[in-house]
Amino acid sequence: MIVICNNKKIELEEGTTVAQLIHDLNYRRAAVWLNGEQLLASAYENRVINAEDQIKILRIVAGG
């Protein structure tokens, strides 16, 4: 299936979760918006991405 991630079309397998996408992108921590709604990190494991979803991911690289 095709989705838009950070303004680029990418292909994902059906049933891919937000957590799997973050892992596949080699991000350790990230803030994610799905179709304009920011997701809680606790929702990443169970939130399945659907075809044509709009995803914005900001990688968290440092804190404090």
N, C-alpha and C. Protein backbone atom coordinates (compact mmCIF):
# COMPACT_ATOMS: atom_id res chain seq x y z
N MET A 1 0.84 -1.18 0.00
CA MET A 1 0.00 0.00 0.00
C MET A 1 0.88 1.23 0.00
N ILE A 2 0.38 2.31 -0.52
CA ILE A 2 1.11 3.57 -0.62
C ILE A 2 0.59 4.54 0.43
N VAL A 3 1.52 5.18 1.15
CA VAL A 3 1.19 6.23 2.11
C VAL A 3 2.12 7.41 1.84
N ILE A 4 1.79 8.54 2.43
CA ILE A 4 2.64 9.72 2.35
C ILE A 4 3.30 9.90 3.71
N CYS A 5 4.63 9.84 3.72
CA CYS A 5 5.39 9.99 4.96
C CYS A 5 6.39 11.14 4.77
N ASN A 6 6.22 12.17 5.56
CA ASN A 6 7.08 13.36 5.45
C ASN A 6 7.14 13.87 4.01
N ASN A 7 5.96 13.96 3.40
CA ASN A 7 5.77 14.50 2.05
C ASN A 7 6.36 13.64 0.93
N LYS A 8 6.65 12.36 1.22
CA LYS A 8 7.13 11.45 0.19
C LYS A 8 6.25 10.22 0.15
N LYS A 9 5.97 9.73 -1.05
CA LYS A 9 5.22 8.48 -1.18
C LYS A 9 6.14 7.32 -0.84
N ILE A 10 5.65 6.45 0.04
CA ILE A 10 6.40 5.24 0.37
C ILE A 10 5.44 4.06 0.33
N GLU A 11 5.99 2.89 0.15
CA GLU A 11 5.18 1.68 0.10
C GLU A 11 5.41 0.89 1.39
N LEU A 12 4.30 0.48 2.01
CA LEU A 12 4.35 -0.32 3.23
C LEU A 12 3.53 -1.58 3.04
N GLU A 13 3.83 -2.59 3.83
CA GLU A 13 3.02 -3.80 3.82
C GLU A 13 1.72 -3.54 4.56
N GLU A 14 0.65 -4.21 4.13
CA GLU A 14 -0.62 -4.12 4.84
C GLU A 14 -0.41 -4.54 6.29
N GLY A 15 -1.04 -3.84 7.21
CA GLY A 15 -0.95 -4.19 8.63
C GLY A 15 0.23 -3.59 9.36
N THR A 16 1.01 -2.74 8.68
CA THR A 16 2.16 -2.10 9.32
C THR A 16 1.68 -1.16 10.42
N THR A 17 2.31 -1.26 11.59
CA THR A 17 1.99 -0.35 12.68
C THR A 17 2.94 0.84 12.68
N VAL A 18 2.57 1.85 13.42
CA VAL A 18 3.43 3.03 13.56
C VAL A 18 4.77 2.61 14.16
N ALA A 19 4.75 1.74 15.16
CA ALA A 19 5.99 1.27 15.80
C ALA A 19 6.89 0.56 14.79
N GLN A 20 6.31 -0.24 13.91
CA GLN A 20 7.11 -0.93 12.89
C GLN A 20 7.73 0.06 11.93
N LEU A 21 6.99 1.07 11.53
CA LEU A 21 7.52 2.09 10.62
C LEU A 21 8.69 2.82 11.26
N ILE A 22 8.54 3.23 12.51
CA ILE A 22 9.62 3.91 13.22
C ILE A 22 10.86 3.01 13.28
N HIS A 23 10.65 1.74 13.57
CA HIS A 23 11.77 0.78 13.62
C HIS A 23 12.43 0.65 12.25
N ASP A 24 11.62 0.52 11.20
CA ASP A 24 12.14 0.37 9.84
C ASP A 24 12.95 1.59 9.39
N LEU A 25 12.60 2.76 9.91
CA LEU A 25 13.32 3.99 9.57
C LEU A 25 14.55 4.18 10.45
N ASN A 26 14.80 3.23 11.36
CA ASN A 26 15.94 3.27 12.27
C ASN A 26 15.91 4.46 13.21
N TYR A 27 14.70 4.86 13.63
CA TYR A 27 14.55 5.92 14.62
C TYR A 27 14.39 5.26 15.99
N ARG A 28 15.08 5.77 16.98
CA ARG A 28 14.93 5.25 18.34
C ARG A 28 13.71 5.86 19.00
N ARG A 29 13.54 7.17 18.82
CA ARG A 29 12.38 7.88 19.38
C ARG A 29 11.87 8.85 18.33
N ALA A 30 10.56 9.03 18.31
CA ALA A 30 9.98 9.93 17.32
C ALA A 30 8.62 10.43 17.78
N ALA A 31 8.26 11.61 17.31
CA ALA A 31 6.91 12.14 17.48
C ALA A 31 6.20 11.91 16.15
N VAL A 32 4.95 11.41 16.21
CA VAL A 32 4.25 11.01 14.99
C VAL A 32 2.87 11.66 14.93
N TRP A 33 2.56 12.18 13.74
CA TRP A 33 1.22 12.67 13.44
C TRP A 33 0.66 11.80 12.34
N LEU A 34 -0.56 11.35 12.52
CA LEU A 34 -1.22 10.51 11.53
C LEU A 34 -2.50 11.22 11.09
N ASN A 35 -2.53 11.61 9.83
CA ASN A 35 -3.66 12.36 9.28
C ASN A 35 -3.96 13.62 10.10
N GLY A 36 -2.88 14.31 10.51
CA GLY A 36 -3.01 15.58 11.20
C GLY A 36 -3.20 15.47 12.71
N GLU A 37 -3.30 14.28 13.24
CA GLU A 37 -3.52 14.08 14.68
C GLU A 37 -2.26 13.49 15.31
N GLN A 38 -1.72 14.19 16.33
CA GLN A 38 -0.54 13.66 16.99
C GLN A 38 -0.92 12.45 17.83
N LEU A 39 -0.12 11.40 17.69
CA LEU A 39 -0.37 10.17 18.44
C LEU A 39 0.44 10.15 19.72
N LEU A 40 -0.11 9.55 20.74
CA LEU A 40 0.64 9.28 21.96
C LEU A 40 1.59 8.13 21.68
N ALA A 41 2.76 8.16 22.28
CA ALA A 41 3.74 7.09 22.08
C ALA A 41 3.17 5.74 22.48
N SER A 42 2.28 5.72 23.44
CA SER A 42 1.67 4.47 23.89
C SER A 42 0.78 3.84 22.82
N ALA A 43 0.38 4.61 21.81
CA ALA A 43 -0.49 4.10 20.75
C ALA A 43 0.29 3.54 19.56
N TYR A 44 1.61 3.73 19.51
CA TYR A 44 2.39 3.34 18.35
C TYR A 44 2.33 1.84 18.06
N GLU A 45 2.36 1.02 19.10
CA GLU A 45 2.37 -0.44 18.91
C GLU A 45 1.10 -0.96 18.26
N ASN A 46 -0.04 -0.36 18.58
CA ASN A 46 -1.32 -0.89 18.12
C ASN A 46 -1.94 -0.13 16.96
N ARG A 47 -1.40 1.02 16.62
CA ARG A 47 -2.00 1.85 15.57
C ARG A 47 -1.54 1.36 14.20
N VAL A 48 -2.47 0.82 13.44
CA VAL A 48 -2.18 0.30 12.10
C VAL A 48 -2.30 1.43 11.08
N ILE A 49 -1.36 1.48 10.17
CA ILE A 49 -1.36 2.48 9.11
C ILE A 49 -2.18 1.95 7.94
N ASN A 50 -3.02 2.82 7.38
CA ASN A 50 -3.88 2.44 6.26
C ASN A 50 -3.40 3.10 4.97
N ALA A 51 -3.81 2.54 3.85
CA ALA A 51 -3.47 3.10 2.54
C ALA A 51 -3.89 4.57 2.48
N GLU A 52 -3.03 5.38 1.87
CA GLU A 52 -3.25 6.80 1.65
C GLU A 52 -3.21 7.64 2.92
N ASP A 53 -2.78 7.07 4.06
CA ASP A 53 -2.62 7.86 5.27
C ASP A 53 -1.52 8.89 5.06
N GLN A 54 -1.65 10.02 5.73
CA GLN A 54 -0.66 11.08 5.73
C GLN A 54 0.08 11.00 7.07
N ILE A 55 1.38 10.77 7.01
CA ILE A 55 2.17 10.57 8.21
C ILE A 55 3.27 11.63 8.27
N LYS A 56 3.43 12.22 9.44
CA LYS A 56 4.54 13.14 9.67
C LYS A 56 5.32 12.59 10.86
N ILE A 57 6.62 12.41 10.68
CA ILE A 57 7.46 11.88 11.74
C ILE A 57 8.60 12.86 12.01
N LEU A 58 8.74 13.25 13.27
CA LEU A 58 9.86 14.06 13.69
C LEU A 58 10.73 13.21 14.60
N ARG A 59 11.95 13.02 14.19
CA ARG A 59 12.89 12.21 14.97
C ARG A 59 13.38 13.02 16.17
N ILE A 60 13.32 12.41 17.34
CA ILE A 60 13.81 13.04 18.56
C ILE A 60 15.25 12.61 18.75
N VAL A 61 16.17 13.57 18.72
CA VAL A 61 17.59 13.21 18.77
C VAL A 61 18.25 13.57 20.09
N ALA A 62 17.70 14.51 20.85
CA ALA A 62 18.30 14.89 22.12
C ALA A 62 17.23 15.47 23.03
N GLY A 63 17.52 15.46 24.26
CA GLY A 63 16.57 16.02 25.20
C GLY A 63 17.27 16.83 26.26
N GLY A 64 16.47 17.49 27.07
CA GLY A 64 17.02 18.16 28.23
C GLY A 64 17.32 19.56 28.02
